[in-house]
Amino acid sequence: MGCHDVRPLLPARVEELSPLEARIRAEHVAGCPRCAAEAAAYNRLVYALAAMASLEAEPVDGTLERALAVLDRRRALMTDPRLAMFAAGSAGALVATLVVAHALRQRRRAPRDTGPIRGLMIPAPAFARAK
């Protein structure tokens, strides 16, 4: 098997592979330095993530208070009637733009038929009938 076939097996841990897949991967990695380096990188990543799982980090003092203050300022802005009117106007302009763009796109996609309209009977002039 080539690198292209083995590459999807490299990120998996040995326990996650079937015995056949594990054997194929091990045989290929033993003879391919590029895939061996990639498999080693995945192994280092697995060990690093396992080590990080046991770490606990304390937030910097005042983080919660700062976050709540920002939320309070934003909530105050959302209750301002001028902001609500601006938001409504912007939303209306956006909807109008989307409707116009959709109509233009539909118009461009519509087939150009220069022939007679189906179902519309237009009488032929008398000189056209008299042949």
Protein backbone atom coordinates (compact mmCIF):
# COMPACT_ATOMS: atom_id res chain seq x y z
CA MET A 1 0.00 0.00 0.00
CA GLY A 2 1.15 3.51 -0.71
CA CYS A 3 1.23 6.69 1.35
CA HIS A 4 -2.09 7.79 -0.14
CA ASP A 5 -3.80 4.67 1.20
CA VAL A 6 -2.17 4.74 4.65
CA ARG A 7 -2.43 8.48 5.34
CA PRO A 8 -6.08 8.29 6.64
CA LEU A 9 -4.92 5.70 9.21
CA LEU A 10 -2.11 7.83 10.66
CA PRO A 11 -4.17 10.07 13.01
CA ALA A 12 -5.93 7.11 14.63
CA ARG A 13 -4.62 5.47 17.77
CA VAL A 14 -3.73 1.80 17.47
CA GLU A 15 -6.68 0.85 19.71
CA GLU A 16 -9.05 2.53 17.25
CA LEU A 17 -7.86 0.50 14.25
CA SER A 18 -8.79 -3.01 13.25
CA PRO A 19 -5.95 -5.54 13.52
CA LEU A 20 -5.53 -5.52 9.73
CA GLU A 21 -5.41 -1.70 9.58
CA ALA A 22 -2.92 -1.58 12.46
CA ARG A 23 -0.66 -4.11 10.71
CA ILE A 24 -0.83 -2.28 7.36
CA ARG A 25 -0.07 1.03 9.06
CA ALA A 26 2.86 -0.41 11.06
CA GLU A 27 4.41 -2.07 8.01
CA HIS A 28 4.13 1.10 5.93
CA VAL A 29 5.42 3.42 8.67
CA ALA A 30 8.42 1.14 9.18
CA GLY A 31 9.51 1.68 5.58
CA CYS A 32 8.38 5.26 4.90
CA PRO A 33 10.19 8.08 6.74
CA ARG A 34 7.63 10.71 5.75
CA CYS A 35 4.65 8.75 7.12
CA ALA A 36 6.72 7.76 10.18
CA ALA A 37 7.32 11.45 10.93
CA GLU A 38 3.63 12.23 10.49
CA ALA A 39 2.58 9.33 12.75
CA ALA A 40 5.10 10.49 15.39
CA ALA A 41 3.66 14.01 15.23
CA TYR A 42 0.16 12.64 15.82
CA ASN A 43 1.43 10.60 18.79
CA ARG A 44 3.06 13.69 20.32
CA LEU A 45 -0.20 15.58 19.87
CA VAL A 46 -2.18 12.83 21.63
CA TYR A 47 0.24 12.85 24.58
CA ALA A 48 0.19 16.66 24.79
CA LEU A 49 -3.61 16.75 24.80
CA ALA A 50 -3.71 14.07 27.50
CA ALA A 51 -1.32 16.12 29.63
CA MET A 52 -3.36 19.28 29.10
CA ALA A 53 -6.57 17.53 30.15
CA SER A 54 -5.30 17.37 33.72
CA LEU A 55 -4.39 21.07 33.90
CA GLU A 56 -6.61 23.61 35.57
CA ALA A 57 -6.32 27.32 34.94
CA GLU A 58 -7.65 30.07 37.14
CA PRO A 59 -8.95 33.17 35.38
CA VAL A 60 -7.22 36.47 36.04
CA ASP A 61 -8.75 38.43 38.93
CA GLY A 62 -11.58 40.67 37.75
CA THR A 63 -12.34 38.76 34.56
CA LEU A 64 -15.95 38.03 35.51
CA GLU A 65 -16.57 41.62 36.61
CA ARG A 66 -15.16 43.02 33.35
CA ALA A 67 -17.27 40.62 31.27
CA LEU A 68 -20.43 41.56 33.17
CA ALA A 69 -19.68 45.27 32.76
CA VAL A 70 -19.34 44.84 28.98
CA LEU A 71 -22.65 42.95 28.87
CA ASP A 72 -24.36 45.72 30.86
CA ARG A 73 -23.08 48.38 28.43
CA ARG A 74 -24.32 46.38 25.45
CA ARG A 75 -27.70 45.81 27.06
CA ALA A 76 -27.99 49.57 27.66
CA LEU A 77 -27.25 50.21 23.99
CA MET A 78 -29.93 47.75 22.89
CA THR A 79 -32.61 49.59 24.87
CA ASP A 80 -31.83 52.93 23.17
CA PRO A 81 -34.79 53.70 20.82
CA ARG A 82 -32.51 55.45 18.32
CA LEU A 83 -30.42 52.32 18.01
CA ALA A 84 -33.55 50.21 17.56
CA MET A 85 -34.76 52.51 14.75
CA PHE A 86 -31.34 52.39 13.10
CA ALA A 87 -31.28 48.58 13.33
CA ALA A 88 -34.80 48.30 11.89
CA GLY A 89 -33.94 50.64 9.02
CA SER A 90 -30.75 48.74 8.25
CA ALA A 91 -32.62 45.44 8.31
CA GLY A 92 -35.26 46.84 5.95
CA ALA A 93 -32.61 48.11 3.54
CA LEU A 94 -30.90 44.73 3.61
CA VAL A 95 -34.14 42.89 2.88
CA ALA A 96 -34.94 45.26 0.01
CA THR A 97 -31.47 44.77 -1.45
CA LEU A 98 -31.81 40.99 -1.27
CA VAL A 99 -35.24 41.07 -2.93
CA VAL A 100 -33.98 43.25 -5.78
CA ALA A 101 -30.86 41.10 -6.23
CA HIS A 102 -33.00 37.96 -6.34
CA ALA A 103 -35.35 39.50 -8.91
CA LEU A 104 -32.42 40.57 -11.10
CA ARG A 105 -30.86 37.12 -10.88
CA GLN A 106 -34.17 35.48 -11.84
CA ARG A 107 -34.55 37.91 -14.73
CA ARG A 108 -31.06 37.06 -16.01
CA ARG A 109 -31.79 33.34 -15.78
CA ALA A 110 -35.15 33.57 -17.56
CA PRO A 111 -35.01 32.28 -21.13
CA ARG A 112 -35.25 34.98 -23.76
CA ASP A 113 -38.15 33.97 -25.96
CA THR A 114 -38.75 36.31 -28.87
CA GLY A 115 -41.49 34.13 -30.34
CA PRO A 116 -45.21 34.47 -29.73
CA ILE A 117 -46.51 34.08 -26.23
CA ARG A 118 -48.17 30.73 -25.71
CA GLY A 119 -51.90 30.96 -25.23
CA LEU A 120 -52.08 34.44 -26.69
CA MET A 121 -53.97 34.51 -29.96
CA ILE A 122 -53.15 37.49 -32.13
CA PRO A 123 -55.04 37.66 -35.40
CA ALA A 124 -52.79 37.71 -38.44
CA PRO A 125 -53.16 40.71 -40.74
CA ALA A 126 -55.31 40.20 -43.83
CA PHE A 127 -52.40 40.55 -46.27
CA ALA A 128 -50.51 37.74 -44.48
CA ARG A 129 -53.48 35.38 -44.90
CA ALA A 130 -53.99 36.07 -48.58
CA LYS A 131 -51.24 34.02 -50.12
